[in-house]
Amino acid sequence: MNDTEKDNHLADFVDGKTASSADLDLRQLEETILHLKQSLPNDSPNSATSKQMLVRLKARLKREEVTSPQPFWKKILNFQNSPQISMALAL
């Protein structure tokens, strides 16, 4: 099915529907799907390209890796770094 046939099919579908909100949502969804089908390549990448993409993804994740912050309760109950808290709890 070429682009003109897709457009004609979509136009026929829209013409046959009433202008309710559900139909408008469906129309927008169909248009989005049609645009995605036209913009995405039909063939899948070869194995070398897939491996390269995976290596790049892992490198980026490692580069952008963020350590999770220490929980609040661990900061408060850290007696080794905060002797004032241990003294206050001892009293």
C-alpha atoms as a PDB file:
ATOM      1  CA  MET A   1       0.000   0.000   0.000  1.00  0.00           C
ATOM      2  CA  ASN A   2       1.644   3.265  -1.078  1.00  0.00           C
ATOM      3  CA  ASP A   3       1.357   6.649   0.610  1.00  0.00           C
ATOM      4  CA  THR A   4      -1.498   7.873  -1.591  1.00  0.00           C
ATOM      5  CA  GLU A   5      -3.544   4.762  -0.887  1.00  0.00           C
ATOM      6  CA  LYS A   6      -2.881   5.135   2.839  1.00  0.00           C
ATOM      7  CA  ASP A   7      -3.998   8.758   2.746  1.00  0.00           C
ATOM      8  CA  ASN A   8      -7.134   7.860   0.775  1.00  0.00           C
ATOM      9  CA  HIS A   9      -7.936   5.030   3.181  1.00  0.00           C
ATOM     10  CA  LEU A  10      -7.522   7.357   6.148  1.00  0.00           C
ATOM     11  CA  ALA A  11      -9.673  10.049   4.474  1.00  0.00           C
ATOM     12  CA  ASP A  12     -12.432   7.506   3.720  1.00  0.00           C
ATOM     13  CA  PHE A  13     -12.370   6.297   7.296  1.00  0.00           C
ATOM     14  CA  VAL A  14     -12.619   9.826   8.676  1.00  0.00           C
ATOM     15  CA  ASP A  15     -15.424  10.763   6.284  1.00  0.00           C
ATOM     16  CA  GLY A  16     -17.468   7.776   7.430  1.00  0.00           C
ATOM     17  CA  LYS A  17     -17.260   8.696  11.103  1.00  0.00           C
ATOM     18  CA  THR A  18     -19.152  11.295  13.092  1.00  0.00           C
ATOM     19  CA  ALA A  19     -17.254  14.047  14.891  1.00  0.00           C
ATOM     20  CA  SER A  20     -17.471  12.674  18.433  1.00  0.00           C
ATOM     21  CA  SER A  21     -14.495  12.973  20.775  1.00  0.00           C
ATOM     22  CA  ALA A  22     -13.785   9.226  20.633  1.00  0.00           C
ATOM     23  CA  ASP A  23     -13.676   9.382  16.841  1.00  0.00           C
ATOM     24  CA  LEU A  24     -11.348  12.368  16.951  1.00  0.00           C
ATOM     25  CA  ASP A  25      -9.033  10.488  19.304  1.00  0.00           C
ATOM     26  CA  LEU A  26      -9.085   7.480  16.993  1.00  0.00           C
ATOM     27  CA  ARG A  27      -8.346   9.707  14.013  1.00  0.00           C
ATOM     28  CA  GLN A  28      -5.375  11.272  15.772  1.00  0.00           C
ATOM     29  CA  LEU A  29      -4.119   7.831  16.720  1.00  0.00           C
ATOM     30  CA  GLU A  30      -4.402   6.596  13.146  1.00  0.00           C
ATOM     31  CA  GLU A  31      -2.581   9.658  11.857  1.00  0.00           C
ATOM     32  CA  THR A  32       0.198   9.116  14.394  1.00  0.00           C
ATOM     33  CA  ILE A  33       0.533   5.465  13.379  1.00  0.00           C
ATOM     34  CA  LEU A  34       0.607   6.434   9.721  1.00  0.00           C
ATOM     35  CA  HIS A  35       3.356   8.995  10.339  1.00  0.00           C
ATOM     36  CA  LEU A  36       5.390   6.472  12.344  1.00  0.00           C
ATOM     37  CA  LYS A  37       5.082   3.844   9.627  1.00  0.00           C
ATOM     38  CA  GLN A  38       6.291   6.350   7.059  1.00  0.00           C
ATOM     39  CA  SER A  39       9.210   7.619   9.127  1.00  0.00           C
ATOM     40  CA  LEU A  40      10.581   4.352  10.536  1.00  0.00           C
ATOM     41  CA  PRO A  41      12.734   2.087   8.377  1.00  0.00           C
ATOM     42  CA  ASN A  42      11.185  -1.177   7.223  1.00  0.00           C
ATOM     43  CA  ASP A  43      14.249  -3.361   7.721  1.00  0.00           C
ATOM     44  CA  SER A  44      15.887  -4.145  11.055  1.00  0.00           C
ATOM     45  CA  PRO A  45      19.549  -3.285  11.688  1.00  0.00           C
ATOM     46  CA  ASN A  46      22.165  -5.963  11.063  1.00  0.00           C
ATOM     47  CA  SER A  47      23.942  -7.649  13.966  1.00  0.00           C
ATOM     48  CA  ALA A  48      27.018  -5.399  13.759  1.00  0.00           C
ATOM     49  CA  THR A  49      24.870  -2.280  14.024  1.00  0.00           C
ATOM     50  CA  SER A  50      22.913  -3.797  16.915  1.00  0.00           C
ATOM     51  CA  LYS A  51      26.118  -4.628  18.794  1.00  0.00           C
ATOM     52  CA  GLN A  52      27.477  -1.131  18.195  1.00  0.00           C
ATOM     53  CA  MET A  53      24.255   0.407  19.504  1.00  0.00           C
ATOM     54  CA  LEU A  54      24.430  -1.788  22.608  1.00  0.00           C
ATOM     55  CA  VAL A  55      28.058  -0.841  23.279  1.00  0.00           C
ATOM     56  CA  ARG A  56      27.222   2.850  22.918  1.00  0.00           C
ATOM     57  CA  LEU A  57      24.221   2.494  25.234  1.00  0.00           C
ATOM     58  CA  LYS A  58      26.279   0.749  27.912  1.00  0.00           C
ATOM     59  CA  ALA A  59      29.024   3.371  27.640  1.00  0.00           C
ATOM     60  CA  ARG A  60      26.499   6.174  27.987  1.00  0.00           C
ATOM     61  CA  LEU A  61      24.822   4.529  30.987  1.00  0.00           C
ATOM     62  CA  LYS A  62      28.182   4.082  32.647  1.00  0.00           C
ATOM     63  CA  ARG A  63      29.156   7.690  31.883  1.00  0.00           C
ATOM     64  CA  GLU A  64      25.866   9.063  33.212  1.00  0.00           C
ATOM     65  CA  GLU A  65      25.627   6.719  36.153  1.00  0.00           C
ATOM     66  CA  VAL A  66      24.429   8.573  39.218  1.00  0.00           C
ATOM     67  CA  THR A  67      24.916   7.150  42.655  1.00  0.00           C
ATOM     68  CA  SER A  68      21.781   7.074  44.717  1.00  0.00           C
ATOM     69  CA  PRO A  69      21.784   9.538  47.601  1.00  0.00           C
ATOM     70  CA  GLN A  70      22.166   8.204  51.101  1.00  0.00           C
ATOM     71  CA  PRO A  71      18.811   7.866  52.903  1.00  0.00           C
ATOM     72  CA  PHE A  72      18.003  10.538  55.478  1.00  0.00           C
ATOM     73  CA  TRP A  73      17.881   8.104  58.383  1.00  0.00           C
ATOM     74  CA  LYS A  74      21.384   6.816  57.598  1.00  0.00           C
ATOM     75  CA  LYS A  75      22.731  10.361  57.644  1.00  0.00           C
ATOM     76  CA  ILE A  76      21.184  10.989  61.039  1.00  0.00           C
ATOM     77  CA  LEU A  77      22.263   7.687  62.587  1.00  0.00           C
ATOM     78  CA  ASN A  78      25.840   7.856  61.295  1.00  0.00           C
ATOM     79  CA  PHE A  79      27.562   7.852  64.694  1.00  0.00           C
ATOM     80  CA  GLN A  80      31.092   7.596  63.323  1.00  0.00           C
ATOM     81  CA  ASN A  81      30.937  10.872  61.421  1.00  0.00           C
ATOM     82  CA  SER A  82      28.715  12.686  63.892  1.00  0.00           C
ATOM     83  CA  PRO A  83      29.796  12.254  67.535  1.00  0.00           C
ATOM     84  CA  GLN A  84      27.362  14.956  68.671  1.00  0.00           C
ATOM     85  CA  ILE A  85      24.400  12.748  67.754  1.00  0.00           C
ATOM     86  CA  SER A  86      25.840   9.750  69.582  1.00  0.00           C
ATOM     87  CA  MET A  87      26.381  11.913  72.690  1.00  0.00           C
ATOM     88  CA  ALA A  88      22.834  13.274  72.502  1.00  0.00           C
ATOM     89  CA  LEU A  89      21.379   9.775  72.236  1.00  0.00           C
ATOM     90  CA  ALA A  90      23.550   8.541  75.106  1.00  0.00           C
ATOM     91  CA  LEU A  91      22.119  11.151  77.449  1.00  0.00           C
END
